[in-house]
C-alpha atoms as a PDB file:
ATOM      1  CA  MET A   1      -9.955  32.904  13.010  1.00  0.00           C
ATOM      2  CA  PHE A   2     -12.917  31.045  11.516  1.00  0.00           C
ATOM      3  CA  LYS A   3     -10.929  28.419   9.639  1.00  0.00           C
ATOM      4  CA  ASP A   4     -12.486  24.949  10.020  1.00  0.00           C
ATOM      5  CA  ILE A   5     -15.424  26.486  11.943  1.00  0.00           C
ATOM      6  CA  GLU A   6     -19.053  26.063  10.926  1.00  0.00           C
ATOM      7  CA  PHE A   7     -22.102  27.893  12.308  1.00  0.00           C
ATOM      8  CA  ALA A   8     -25.390  26.198  13.232  1.00  0.00           C
ATOM      9  CA  ASN A   9     -27.287  29.529  13.072  1.00  0.00           C
ATOM     10  CA  GLN A  10     -25.357  31.174  10.285  1.00  0.00           C
ATOM     11  CA  TRP A  11     -28.019  33.816   9.595  1.00  0.00           C
ATOM     12  CA  ILE A  12     -27.321  35.483  12.967  1.00  0.00           C
ATOM     13  CA  LEU A  13     -23.906  36.542  11.664  1.00  0.00           C
ATOM     14  CA  TYR A  14     -25.668  39.173   9.536  1.00  0.00           C
ATOM     15  CA  LEU A  15     -26.129  41.130  12.779  1.00  0.00           C
ATOM     16  CA  LEU A  16     -22.391  41.824  12.646  1.00  0.00           C
ATOM     17  CA  LEU A  17     -23.240  44.341   9.928  1.00  0.00           C
ATOM     18  CA  LEU A  18     -24.724  46.514  12.684  1.00  0.00           C
ATOM     19  CA  LEU A  19     -21.315  47.032  14.310  1.00  0.00           C
ATOM     20  CA  PRO A  20     -20.067  49.564  11.728  1.00  0.00           C
ATOM     21  CA  LEU A  21     -23.342  51.488  12.207  1.00  0.00           C
ATOM     22  CA  LEU A  22     -22.891  51.510  15.982  1.00  0.00           C
ATOM     23  CA  PHE A  23     -19.309  52.708  15.557  1.00  0.00           C
ATOM     24  CA  TYR A  24     -20.433  55.473  13.189  1.00  0.00           C
ATOM     25  CA  SER A  25     -23.154  56.529  15.618  1.00  0.00           C
ATOM     26  CA  TYR A  26     -20.671  56.686  18.478  1.00  0.00           C
ATOM     27  CA  TRP A  27     -18.159  58.666  16.411  1.00  0.00           C
ATOM     28  CA  LYS A  28     -20.771  61.234  15.417  1.00  0.00           C
ATOM     29  CA  ARG A  29     -21.767  61.768  19.075  1.00  0.00           C
ATOM     30  CA  ARG A  30     -18.283  61.510  20.580  1.00  0.00           C
ATOM     31  CA  ASP A  31     -18.252  65.191  21.621  1.00  0.00           C
ATOM     32  CA  ASN A  32     -21.149  64.518  23.958  1.00  0.00           C
ATOM     33  CA  TYR A  33     -18.975  62.040  25.838  1.00  0.00           C
ATOM     34  CA  SER A  34     -16.215  64.549  26.485  1.00  0.00           C
ATOM     35  CA  PRO A  35     -16.881  66.864  29.468  1.00  0.00           C
ATOM     36  CA  SER A  36     -15.866  70.420  28.797  1.00  0.00           C
ATOM     37  CA  ILE A  37     -14.970  73.412  30.936  1.00  0.00           C
ATOM     38  CA  LEU A  38     -14.964  76.832  29.297  1.00  0.00           C
ATOM     39  CA  PHE A  39     -11.862  79.000  29.521  1.00  0.00           C
ATOM     40  CA  SER A  40     -11.139  82.303  27.917  1.00  0.00           C
ATOM     41  CA  SER A  41      -8.067  80.769  26.319  1.00  0.00           C
ATOM     42  CA  LEU A  42      -6.532  77.265  25.954  1.00  0.00           C
ATOM     43  CA  LYS A  43      -2.979  78.506  25.449  1.00  0.00           C
ATOM     44  CA  LEU A  44      -2.222  77.816  29.089  1.00  0.00           C
ATOM     45  CA  PHE A  45      -2.625  74.085  28.396  1.00  0.00           C
ATOM     46  CA  GLY A  46      -0.640  74.008  25.174  1.00  0.00           C
ATOM     47  CA  ASP A  47       2.343  72.158  26.647  1.00  0.00           C
ATOM     48  CA  VAL A  48       0.436  69.922  29.056  1.00  0.00           C
ATOM     49  CA  PRO A  49       0.842  66.252  27.949  1.00  0.00           C
ATOM     50  CA  ARG A  50      -2.235  64.094  27.493  1.00  0.00           C
ATOM     51  CA  GLY A  51      -2.970  61.871  30.476  1.00  0.00           C
ATOM     52  CA  ILE A  52      -3.558  58.134  30.245  1.00  0.00           C
ATOM     53  CA  LYS A  53      -7.255  58.560  30.946  1.00  0.00           C
ATOM     54  CA  GLU A  54      -7.538  60.973  28.065  1.00  0.00           C
ATOM     55  CA  ARG A  55      -5.789  58.476  25.793  1.00  0.00           C
ATOM     56  CA  LEU A  56      -8.201  55.720  26.840  1.00  0.00           C
ATOM     57  CA  VAL A  57     -11.353  57.768  26.445  1.00  0.00           C
ATOM     58  CA  HIS A  58     -12.555  55.685  23.451  1.00  0.00           C
ATOM     59  CA  LEU A  59     -11.550  52.294  24.901  1.00  0.00           C
ATOM     60  CA  PRO A  60     -14.937  51.520  26.531  1.00  0.00           C
ATOM     61  CA  ALA A  61     -16.718  52.059  23.216  1.00  0.00           C
ATOM     62  CA  LEU A  62     -14.262  49.735  21.467  1.00  0.00           C
ATOM     63  CA  LEU A  63     -14.692  47.057  24.147  1.00  0.00           C
ATOM     64  CA  ARG A  64     -18.474  47.389  23.858  1.00  0.00           C
ATOM     65  CA  LEU A  65     -18.388  46.801  20.098  1.00  0.00           C
ATOM     66  CA  LEU A  66     -16.048  43.822  20.472  1.00  0.00           C
ATOM     67  CA  GLY A  67     -18.214  42.374  23.244  1.00  0.00           C
ATOM     68  CA  ILE A  68     -21.391  42.698  21.196  1.00  0.00           C
ATOM     69  CA  GLY A  69     -19.603  41.120  18.212  1.00  0.00           C
ATOM     70  CA  ALA A  70     -18.429  38.179  20.320  1.00  0.00           C
ATOM     71  CA  LEU A  71     -21.967  37.596  21.630  1.00  0.00           C
ATOM     72  CA  ILE A  72     -23.385  37.662  18.095  1.00  0.00           C
ATOM     73  CA  VAL A  73     -20.836  35.022  17.057  1.00  0.00           C
ATOM     74  CA  ALA A  74     -21.723  32.976  20.154  1.00  0.00           C
ATOM     75  CA  PHE A  75     -25.440  32.996  19.332  1.00  0.00           C
ATOM     76  CA  ALA A  76     -24.585  31.835  15.788  1.00  0.00           C
ATOM     77  CA  ARG A  77     -23.291  28.631  17.490  1.00  0.00           C
ATOM     78  CA  PRO A  78     -19.781  28.145  16.118  1.00  0.00           C
ATOM     79  CA  GLN A  79     -18.735  24.491  15.892  1.00  0.00           C
ATOM     80  CA  THR A  80     -15.711  22.482  14.915  1.00  0.00           C
ATOM     81  CA  PHE A  81     -15.966  18.945  13.604  1.00  0.00           C
ATOM     82  CA  SER A  82     -13.766  15.907  13.907  1.00  0.00           C
ATOM     83  CA  SER A  83     -14.328  13.192  11.362  1.00  0.00           C
ATOM     84  CA  GLY A  84     -12.850   9.862  10.437  1.00  0.00           C
ATOM     85  CA  GLU A  85     -13.502   6.400   9.122  1.00  0.00           C
ATOM     86  CA  ASN A  86     -13.756   2.977  10.652  1.00  0.00           C
ATOM     87  CA  ILE A  87     -12.419   0.519   8.082  1.00  0.00           C
ATOM     88  CA  TYR A  88     -13.273  -3.157   8.069  1.00  0.00           C
ATOM     89  CA  THR A  89     -11.342  -5.311   5.612  1.00  0.00           C
ATOM     90  CA  GLU A  90     -11.584  -8.783   4.190  1.00  0.00           C
ATOM     91  CA  GLY A  91      -7.863  -9.469   3.972  1.00  0.00           C
ATOM     92  CA  ILE A  92      -6.070 -11.024   1.038  1.00  0.00           C
ATOM     93  CA  ASP A  93      -2.823 -12.930   1.508  1.00  0.00           C
ATOM     94  CA  ILE A  94      -0.585 -12.899  -1.558  1.00  0.00           C
ATOM     95  CA  ALA A  95       2.536 -14.940  -2.266  1.00  0.00           C
ATOM     96  CA  ILE A  96       4.638 -13.536  -5.091  1.00  0.00           C
ATOM     97  CA  VAL A  97       6.731 -16.328  -6.616  1.00  0.00           C
ATOM     98  CA  LEU A  98       9.569 -15.050  -8.812  1.00  0.00           C
ATOM     99  CA  ASP A  99      11.882 -16.977 -11.141  1.00  0.00           C
ATOM    100  CA  VAL A 100      15.524 -15.880 -10.658  1.00  0.00           C
ATOM    101  CA  SER A 101      17.158 -18.424 -12.955  1.00  0.00           C
ATOM    102  CA  GLY A 102      19.907 -17.410 -15.334  1.00  0.00           C
ATOM    103  CA  SER A 103      17.526 -17.093 -18.285  1.00  0.00           C
ATOM    104  CA  MET A 104      15.867 -14.152 -16.518  1.00  0.00           C
ATOM    105  CA  LEU A 105      18.906 -12.073 -17.546  1.00  0.00           C
ATOM    106  CA  ALA A 106      17.712 -12.094 -21.175  1.00  0.00           C
ATOM    107  CA  GLU A 107      17.407  -8.553 -22.480  1.00  0.00           C
ATOM    108  CA  ASP A 108      14.194  -8.658 -24.476  1.00  0.00           C
ATOM    109  CA  PHE A 109      12.902  -6.626 -21.486  1.00  0.00           C
ATOM    110  CA  LYS A 110      14.695  -3.485 -20.325  1.00  0.00           C
ATOM    111  CA  PRO A 111      17.155  -3.705 -18.683  1.00  0.00           C
ATOM    112  CA  ASN A 112      16.450  -7.450 -18.462  1.00  0.00           C
ATOM    113  CA  ARG A 113      13.582  -9.762 -17.520  1.00  0.00           C
ATOM    114  CA  LEU A 114      14.483  -9.994 -13.837  1.00  0.00           C
ATOM    115  CA  GLU A 115      14.879  -6.255 -13.248  1.00  0.00           C
ATOM    116  CA  ALA A 116      11.729  -5.500 -15.234  1.00  0.00           C
ATOM    117  CA  ALA A 117       9.806  -8.006 -13.107  1.00  0.00           C
ATOM    118  CA  LYS A 118      11.212  -6.522  -9.884  1.00  0.00           C
ATOM    119  CA  ASN A 119      10.147  -3.016 -10.935  1.00  0.00           C
ATOM    120  CA  VAL A 120       6.610  -4.116 -11.775  1.00  0.00           C
ATOM    121  CA  ILE A 121       6.290  -6.167  -8.588  1.00  0.00           C
ATOM    122  CA  GLY A 122       7.464  -3.127  -6.598  1.00  0.00           C
ATOM    123  CA  ASP A 123       4.681  -1.052  -8.161  1.00  0.00           C
ATOM    124  CA  PHE A 124       2.219  -3.838  -7.400  1.00  0.00           C
ATOM    125  CA  ILE A 125       3.242  -3.842  -3.728  1.00  0.00           C
ATOM    126  CA  ARG A 126       2.863  -0.045  -3.557  1.00  0.00           C
ATOM    127  CA  GLY A 127      -0.708  -0.429  -4.784  1.00  0.00           C
ATOM    128  CA  ARG A 128      -1.733  -2.640  -1.848  1.00  0.00           C
ATOM    129  CA  THR A 129      -2.803  -1.193   1.497  1.00  0.00           C
ATOM    130  CA  ASN A 130      -4.250  -3.846   3.801  1.00  0.00           C
ATOM    131  CA  ASP A 131      -2.998  -7.165   2.438  1.00  0.00           C
ATOM    132  CA  ARG A 132      -0.226  -9.414   3.677  1.00  0.00           C
ATOM    133  CA  ILE A 133       2.325 -10.161   0.972  1.00  0.00           C
ATOM    134  CA  GLY A 134       5.148 -12.707   0.925  1.00  0.00           C
ATOM    135  CA  LEU A 135       7.985 -13.215  -1.529  1.00  0.00           C
ATOM    136  CA  VAL A 136       9.272 -16.592  -2.764  1.00  0.00           C
ATOM    137  CA  ILE A 137      12.131 -16.943  -5.251  1.00  0.00           C
ATOM    138  CA  PHE A 138      13.166 -19.995  -7.209  1.00  0.00           C
ATOM    139  CA  ALA A 139      15.543 -21.353  -9.814  1.00  0.00           C
ATOM    140  CA  GLY A 140      16.795 -24.945  -9.441  1.00  0.00           C
ATOM    141  CA  GLU A 141      15.640 -24.687  -5.812  1.00  0.00           C
ATOM    142  CA  SER A 142      13.198 -22.461  -3.970  1.00  0.00           C
ATOM    143  CA  PHE A 143      13.231 -20.503  -0.738  1.00  0.00           C
ATOM    144  CA  THR A 144      11.279 -17.753   1.005  1.00  0.00           C
ATOM    145  CA  GLN A 145      12.811 -14.319   0.582  1.00  0.00           C
ATOM    146  CA  CYS A 146      10.172 -12.700   2.814  1.00  0.00           C
ATOM    147  CA  PRO A 147       7.301 -14.295   4.771  1.00  0.00           C
ATOM    148  CA  LEU A 148       3.810 -12.805   4.693  1.00  0.00           C
ATOM    149  CA  THR A 149       3.957  -9.251   6.016  1.00  0.00           C
ATOM    150  CA  ILE A 150       2.231  -5.868   5.881  1.00  0.00           C
ATOM    151  CA  ASP A 151       5.560  -4.090   6.315  1.00  0.00           C
ATOM    152  CA  TYR A 152       5.827  -3.078   2.680  1.00  0.00           C
ATOM    153  CA  ASN A 153       9.061  -1.132   3.202  1.00  0.00           C
ATOM    154  CA  VAL A 154      10.855  -4.273   4.381  1.00  0.00           C
ATOM    155  CA  LEU A 155       9.281  -6.239   1.549  1.00  0.00           C
ATOM    156  CA  ARG A 156      10.476  -3.782  -1.102  1.00  0.00           C
ATOM    157  CA  ASN A 157      13.977  -3.742   0.389  1.00  0.00           C
ATOM    158  CA  LEU A 158      14.177  -7.534   0.214  1.00  0.00           C
ATOM    159  CA  LEU A 159      12.817  -7.428  -3.322  1.00  0.00           C
ATOM    160  CA  ALA A 160      15.604  -5.029  -4.324  1.00  0.00           C
ATOM    161  CA  GLU A 161      18.227  -7.469  -3.003  1.00  0.00           C
ATOM    162  CA  ILE A 162      17.143 -10.260  -5.357  1.00  0.00           C
ATOM    163  CA  LYS A 163      19.583 -11.132  -8.126  1.00  0.00           C
ATOM    164  CA  SER A 164      20.212 -13.994 -10.480  1.00  0.00           C
ATOM    165  CA  GLY A 165      22.700 -16.571  -9.180  1.00  0.00           C
ATOM    166  CA  MET A 166      21.474 -16.450  -5.570  1.00  0.00           C
ATOM    167  CA  ILE A 167      20.587 -20.129  -5.793  1.00  0.00           C
ATOM    168  CA  GLN A 168      21.426 -23.108  -8.004  1.00  0.00           C
ATOM    169  CA  ASP A 169      20.316 -22.569 -11.583  1.00  0.00           C
ATOM    170  CA  GLY A 170      17.361 -24.362 -13.148  1.00  0.00           C
ATOM    171  CA  THR A 171      13.583 -23.980 -13.166  1.00  0.00           C
ATOM    172  CA  ALA A 172      11.820 -25.842 -10.359  1.00  0.00           C
ATOM    173  CA  ILE A 173       8.246 -24.657 -10.827  1.00  0.00           C
ATOM    174  CA  GLY A 174       6.769 -27.458  -8.700  1.00  0.00           C
ATOM    175  CA  ASN A 175       9.046 -26.669  -5.741  1.00  0.00           C
ATOM    176  CA  ALA A 176       8.230 -22.959  -6.103  1.00  0.00           C
ATOM    177  CA  ILE A 177       4.476 -23.611  -5.948  1.00  0.00           C
ATOM    178  CA  ALA A 178       4.915 -25.934  -2.962  1.00  0.00           C
ATOM    179  CA  ASN A 179       6.920 -23.244  -1.144  1.00  0.00           C
ATOM    180  CA  GLY A 180       4.203 -20.699  -1.889  1.00  0.00           C
ATOM    181  CA  VAL A 181       1.549 -23.108  -0.622  1.00  0.00           C
ATOM    182  CA  ASN A 182       3.549 -23.546   2.572  1.00  0.00           C
ATOM    183  CA  ARG A 183       3.436 -19.763   3.059  1.00  0.00           C
ATOM    184  CA  LEU A 184      -0.340 -19.570   2.524  1.00  0.00           C
ATOM    185  CA  LYS A 185      -1.830 -22.838   3.768  1.00  0.00           C
ATOM    186  CA  ASP A 186      -2.232 -21.740   7.396  1.00  0.00           C
ATOM    187  CA  SER A 187      -3.622 -18.337   6.464  1.00  0.00           C
ATOM    188  CA  ASN A 188      -7.101 -17.429   7.710  1.00  0.00           C
ATOM    189  CA  ALA A 189      -7.504 -14.700   5.072  1.00  0.00           C
ATOM    190  CA  LYS A 190     -10.719 -14.547   3.041  1.00  0.00           C
ATOM    191  CA  SER A 191      -8.680 -14.931  -0.150  1.00  0.00           C
ATOM    192  CA  LYS A 192      -5.328 -16.625  -0.762  1.00  0.00           C
ATOM    193  CA  VAL A 193      -3.492 -15.831  -3.969  1.00  0.00           C
ATOM    194  CA  MET A 194      -0.210 -16.822  -5.592  1.00  0.00           C
ATOM    195  CA  VAL A 195       1.332 -14.902  -8.496  1.00  0.00           C
ATOM    196  CA  LEU A 196       3.987 -17.031 -10.221  1.00  0.00           C
ATOM    197  CA  LEU A 197       6.293 -15.512 -12.842  1.00  0.00           C
ATOM    198  CA  THR A 198       8.677 -17.615 -14.915  1.00  0.00           C
ATOM    199  CA  ASP A 199      10.355 -17.587 -18.314  1.00  0.00           C
ATOM    200  CA  GLY A 200      11.210 -21.249 -18.689  1.00  0.00           C
ATOM    201  CA  VAL A 201      10.296 -24.903 -18.680  1.00  0.00           C
ATOM    202  CA  ASN A 202      10.178 -26.988 -15.516  1.00  0.00           C
ATOM    203  CA  ASN A 203      13.470 -28.911 -15.460  1.00  0.00           C
ATOM    204  CA  ALA A 204      14.392 -29.266 -11.789  1.00  0.00           C
ATOM    205  CA  GLY A 205      12.961 -29.996  -8.372  1.00  0.00           C
ATOM    206  CA  GLU A 206      11.401 -33.002  -6.716  1.00  0.00           C
ATOM    207  CA  ILE A 207       7.740 -31.935  -6.957  1.00  0.00           C
ATOM    208  CA  ASP A 208       5.635 -32.141 -10.101  1.00  0.00           C
ATOM    209  CA  PRO A 209       4.077 -28.720 -10.893  1.00  0.00           C
ATOM    210  CA  VAL A 210       0.607 -30.170 -11.570  1.00  0.00           C
ATOM    211  CA  THR A 211       0.682 -32.054  -8.275  1.00  0.00           C
ATOM    212  CA  ALA A 212       1.744 -28.868  -6.485  1.00  0.00           C
ATOM    213  CA  ALA A 213      -1.133 -27.000  -8.150  1.00  0.00           C
ATOM    214  CA  GLN A 214      -3.596 -29.645  -6.985  1.00  0.00           C
ATOM    215  CA  ILE A 215      -2.297 -29.231  -3.429  1.00  0.00           C
ATOM    216  CA  ALA A 216      -2.756 -25.472  -3.753  1.00  0.00           C
ATOM    217  CA  GLN A 217      -6.322 -26.011  -4.923  1.00  0.00           C
ATOM    218  CA  LYS A 218      -7.028 -28.142  -1.839  1.00  0.00           C
ATOM    219  CA  PHE A 219      -5.992 -25.218   0.377  1.00  0.00           C
ATOM    220  CA  GLY A 220      -8.149 -22.758  -1.560  1.00  0.00           C
ATOM    221  CA  ILE A 221      -5.172 -20.975  -3.141  1.00  0.00           C
ATOM    222  CA  ARG A 222      -5.707 -19.350  -6.510  1.00  0.00           C
ATOM    223  CA  ILE A 223      -2.630 -19.157  -8.773  1.00  0.00           C
ATOM    224  CA  TYR A 224      -2.059 -16.531 -11.454  1.00  0.00           C
ATOM    225  CA  THR A 225       0.788 -17.576 -13.749  1.00  0.00           C
ATOM    226  CA  VAL A 226       2.806 -15.175 -15.883  1.00  0.00           C
ATOM    227  CA  GLY A 227       5.029 -16.332 -18.713  1.00  0.00           C
ATOM    228  CA  VAL A 228       7.613 -13.652 -19.416  1.00  0.00           C
ATOM    229  CA  GLY A 229       9.579 -13.490 -22.677  1.00  0.00           C
ATOM    230  CA  SER A 230       9.295 -12.163 -26.206  1.00  0.00           C
ATOM    231  CA  LEU A 231       8.172 -14.335 -29.092  1.00  0.00           C
ATOM    232  CA  GLY A 232      10.860 -16.252 -30.970  1.00  0.00           C
ATOM    233  CA  GLN A 233      14.343 -15.290 -29.801  1.00  0.00           C
ATOM    234  CA  ALA A 234      15.797 -12.888 -27.261  1.00  0.00           C
ATOM    235  CA  PRO A 235      19.266 -11.359 -26.770  1.00  0.00           C
ATOM    236  CA  TYR A 236      21.208 -12.946 -23.922  1.00  0.00           C
ATOM    237  CA  PRO A 237      24.528 -11.676 -22.472  1.00  0.00           C
ATOM    238  CA  PHE A 238      27.353 -14.223 -22.482  1.00  0.00           C
ATOM    239  CA  GLN A 239      30.681 -13.718 -20.721  1.00  0.00           C
ATOM    240  CA  THR A 240      33.604 -14.278 -23.101  1.00  0.00           C
ATOM    241  CA  PRO A 241      37.366 -13.661 -22.879  1.00  0.00           C
ATOM    242  CA  PHE A 242      36.690 -10.462 -24.808  1.00  0.00           C
ATOM    243  CA  GLY A 243      33.977  -9.238 -22.473  1.00  0.00           C
ATOM    244  CA  ILE A 244      30.208  -9.592 -22.596  1.00  0.00           C
ATOM    245  CA  ARG A 245      28.777 -10.604 -25.957  1.00  0.00           C
ATOM    246  CA  ARG A 246      25.090 -10.850 -26.723  1.00  0.00           C
ATOM    247  CA  GLN A 247      23.663 -13.741 -28.696  1.00  0.00           C
ATOM    248  CA  MET A 248      20.121 -14.547 -29.708  1.00  0.00           C
ATOM    249  CA  VAL A 249      18.675 -17.537 -27.853  1.00  0.00           C
ATOM    250  CA  PRO A 250      15.270 -19.183 -28.281  1.00  0.00           C
ATOM    251  CA  VAL A 251      12.467 -18.269 -25.851  1.00  0.00           C
ATOM    252  CA  GLU A 252      11.072 -21.425 -24.282  1.00  0.00           C
ATOM    253  CA  ILE A 253       8.039 -21.099 -22.020  1.00  0.00           C
ATOM    254  CA  ASP A 254       5.830 -24.076 -21.178  1.00  0.00           C
ATOM    255  CA  GLU A 255       2.594 -22.173 -21.661  1.00  0.00           C
ATOM    256  CA  ASN A 256       0.463 -25.312 -21.577  1.00  0.00           C
ATOM    257  CA  LEU A 257       1.779 -26.167 -18.111  1.00  0.00           C
ATOM    258  CA  LEU A 258       1.243 -22.615 -16.813  1.00  0.00           C
ATOM    259  CA  LYS A 259      -2.309 -22.586 -18.197  1.00  0.00           C
ATOM    260  CA  GLN A 260      -3.014 -25.950 -16.563  1.00  0.00           C
ATOM    261  CA  ILE A 261      -1.738 -24.720 -13.189  1.00  0.00           C
ATOM    262  CA  SER A 262      -4.010 -21.674 -13.341  1.00  0.00           C
ATOM    263  CA  GLU A 263      -7.045 -23.680 -14.489  1.00  0.00           C
ATOM    264  CA  ILE A 264      -6.655 -26.189 -11.644  1.00  0.00           C
ATOM    265  CA  THR A 265      -6.643 -23.458  -9.024  1.00  0.00           C
ATOM    266  CA  GLY A 266      -9.221 -21.129 -10.580  1.00  0.00           C
ATOM    267  CA  GLY A 267      -6.638 -18.532 -11.576  1.00  0.00           C
ATOM    268  CA  LYS A 268      -5.571 -17.163 -14.945  1.00  0.00           C
ATOM    269  CA  TYR A 269      -2.561 -17.368 -17.255  1.00  0.00           C
ATOM    270  CA  PHE A 270      -0.930 -14.272 -18.776  1.00  0.00           C
ATOM    271  CA  ARG A 271       1.822 -13.882 -21.356  1.00  0.00           C
ATOM    272  CA  ALA A 272       4.112 -10.858 -21.094  1.00  0.00           C
ATOM    273  CA  THR A 273       6.157  -9.991 -24.161  1.00  0.00           C
ATOM    274  CA  SER A 274       7.296  -6.494 -23.141  1.00  0.00           C
ATOM    275  CA  ASN A 275       7.763  -4.229 -20.127  1.00  0.00           C
ATOM    276  CA  ARG A 276       4.468  -2.498 -20.854  1.00  0.00           C
ATOM    277  CA  LYS A 277       2.557  -5.768 -21.196  1.00  0.00           C
ATOM    278  CA  LEU A 278       4.056  -7.046 -17.932  1.00  0.00           C
ATOM    279  CA  ALA A 279       2.939  -3.889 -16.123  1.00  0.00           C
ATOM    280  CA  GLU A 280      -0.576  -4.256 -17.570  1.00  0.00           C
ATOM    281  CA  ILE A 281      -0.761  -7.856 -16.361  1.00  0.00           C
ATOM    282  CA  TYR A 282       0.060  -6.923 -12.776  1.00  0.00           C
ATOM    283  CA  GLU A 283      -2.417  -4.055 -12.963  1.00  0.00           C
ATOM    284  CA  GLU A 284      -5.110  -6.526 -14.030  1.00  0.00           C
ATOM    285  CA  ILE A 285      -4.222  -8.922 -11.220  1.00  0.00           C
ATOM    286  CA  ASP A 286      -4.298  -5.976  -8.826  1.00  0.00           C
ATOM    287  CA  LYS A 287      -7.870  -5.188  -9.934  1.00  0.00           C
ATOM    288  CA  LEU A 288      -8.969  -8.828  -9.782  1.00  0.00           C
ATOM    289  CA  GLU A 289      -7.680  -9.242  -6.246  1.00  0.00           C
ATOM    290  CA  LYS A 290      -8.632  -6.023  -4.486  1.00  0.00           C
ATOM    291  CA  THR A 291      -9.363  -6.105  -0.780  1.00  0.00           C
ATOM    292  CA  LYS A 292     -13.033  -5.584   0.017  1.00  0.00           C
ATOM    293  CA  VAL A 293     -13.308  -2.570   2.314  1.00  0.00           C
ATOM    294  CA  GLU A 294     -16.340  -1.486   4.322  1.00  0.00           C
ATOM    295  CA  VAL A 295     -16.072   2.089   5.518  1.00  0.00           C
ATOM    296  CA  THR A 296     -18.156   3.676   8.256  1.00  0.00           C
ATOM    297  CA  SER A 297     -17.769   7.449   8.435  1.00  0.00           C
ATOM    298  CA  TYR A 298     -18.333   9.469  11.575  1.00  0.00           C
ATOM    299  CA  ARG A 299     -18.457  13.200  12.357  1.00  0.00           C
ATOM    300  CA  HIS A 300     -18.456  14.748  15.838  1.00  0.00           C
ATOM    301  CA  ALA A 301     -19.332  18.383  16.550  1.00  0.00           C
ATOM    302  CA  LYS A 302     -17.680  20.446  19.270  1.00  0.00           C
ATOM    303  CA  GLU A 303     -19.641  23.528  20.392  1.00  0.00           C
ATOM    304  CA  LEU A 304     -17.634  26.753  20.789  1.00  0.00           C
ATOM    305  CA  PHE A 305     -20.571  28.852  22.070  1.00  0.00           C
ATOM    306  CA  PHE A 306     -19.263  29.008  25.641  1.00  0.00           C
ATOM    307  CA  PHE A 307     -15.867  30.469  24.740  1.00  0.00           C
ATOM    308  CA  TRP A 308     -17.303  33.210  22.544  1.00  0.00           C
ATOM    309  CA  ALA A 309     -20.071  34.049  25.046  1.00  0.00           C
ATOM    310  CA  LEU A 310     -17.603  34.166  27.925  1.00  0.00           C
ATOM    311  CA  GLY A 311     -15.267  36.383  25.911  1.00  0.00           C
ATOM    312  CA  GLY A 312     -18.105  38.747  25.040  1.00  0.00           C
ATOM    313  CA  LEU A 313     -19.281  39.021  28.641  1.00  0.00           C
ATOM    314  CA  ILE A 314     -15.738  39.696  29.860  1.00  0.00           C
ATOM    315  CA  LEU A 315     -15.350  42.484  27.306  1.00  0.00           C
ATOM    316  CA  LEU A 316     -18.681  44.081  28.298  1.00  0.00           C
ATOM    317  CA  LEU A 317     -17.895  43.756  31.988  1.00  0.00           C
ATOM    318  CA  THR A 318     -14.491  45.370  31.429  1.00  0.00           C
ATOM    319  CA  GLU A 319     -16.150  48.183  29.482  1.00  0.00           C
ATOM    320  CA  PHE A 320     -18.700  48.761  32.249  1.00  0.00           C
ATOM    321  CA  SER A 321     -16.010  48.801  34.953  1.00  0.00           C
ATOM    322  CA  LEU A 322     -13.815  51.271  33.074  1.00  0.00           C
ATOM    323  CA  GLU A 323     -16.668  53.611  32.299  1.00  0.00           C
ATOM    324  CA  LYS A 324     -18.159  53.595  35.809  1.00  0.00           C
ATOM    325  CA  PHE A 325     -14.956  53.705  37.805  1.00  0.00           C
ATOM    326  CA  TYR A 326     -11.555  54.349  36.199  1.00  0.00           C
ATOM    327  CA  LEU A 327     -12.824  56.521  33.329  1.00  0.00           C
ATOM    328  CA  ARG A 328     -15.830  57.938  35.125  1.00  0.00           C
ATOM    329  CA  LYS A 329     -16.973  61.283  33.759  1.00  0.00           C
ATOM    330  CA  LEU A 330     -17.810  64.238  35.903  1.00  0.00           C
ATOM    331  CA  PRO A 331     -21.346  65.589  35.537  1.00  0.00           C
END
């Protein structure tokens, strides 16, 4: 009954301890409330059923105790509270730029580089709450898989649909950055961020990566670059007439270029050599680019005094009416 209820005058509730004493006092004196007529014998009334008035003889006392209890609760000022938060955010717009070239099928990550990146990016998206996120994919070309959105369910579904071979093979880092810039340049967010993940060397596209980074810098876009791939060689699945065979291929990442892109835009370069390291990198980026949130809490009280007082008065009035009229005792 009192769940989620607080009392402004909580000490008054101690008066409820008087109710058992009042009940005990009534019970000890109950014979005085029962009119009696003396007969030489009561056997004549042995089979006479008890009337409704006789059954209700203790009802007024019960109503009186309940009424007094309700009034005590009322004077303790029961209240319920509604609370909430007004949240003001400084939004961050994020473009995730993902390499889907054939080399991303290398299996130095489990199950391969592309699937490992998709899993980590999915976790990254789940960690955001108020930011718009877009998804750009690239290989020999680049296109937008999902424009900036706060519908994270749609974004994750489109992320799951990504696979190698969707577009012409190659590594067009410059085109990918330019596409990401196109997604972010008209944004009015306080912070604009691009997270670019690749495992190769720029070998395609019409736009030079450094030039694209300089354009990004002009629009206030910060680029975090992630080079993904183990050191040395990595197993790669090749299709042969006898099925899939895995061969070791060299890992080639243009780290100097990725570092230069990040330095131009005020970002940071990371190297991921395992699933765990890749997850740690995205966790670090997540911490570096957290939305600033200002929270204003509020709490409103709703007084319940009236309902308890009204209930108590109704109970006492009912008790008075029963005792003076329907259950009136003869002198």
